[in-house]
């Protein structure tokens, strides 16, 4: 059977996420998504922490890390190169949302932590933060996270 490169990447991500849920949690095992869509959106990398994936009915939550090719201006007035966010994956509605984010001066969440946002804080999450992740990467994260949920 032949697989496209995109299909093969999805299969590897789904398998990695399924294995991540099988053992004890260890901090920060990053799996990197790749594709030409990322470069077109000023995104250098989109990664998911396999050890931070937590299946929940009807979806999952996980930690994602996004690094940008060029600095981006935050509504709070600082320029950031990367962020780490808590993502909620709703498998029934096929939706992704972000509930918190921390912003850093360098790629891969390195350098100085510049600020943070949370849905619980006044003002909530900045408009467009989720949209800064290319739709194809959001879909791949959603499919793989939902595939990692054990059948009940």
Foldseek 3Di string as FASTA:
>chain_A
DDDDPLRVLLVVLLVLLLVLVPDAADPFDKDWDDDPLQVVLQWPIKIWRSRQWAADVPFIKTKMKTFGNDWDADPVGDTFGMKIFIWTAGLVVRDIDTAKMWTARHGPNDHDTDDMAGCPDVPGDDPCPVVSPPPSVSNSVNVSRNSSDDDD
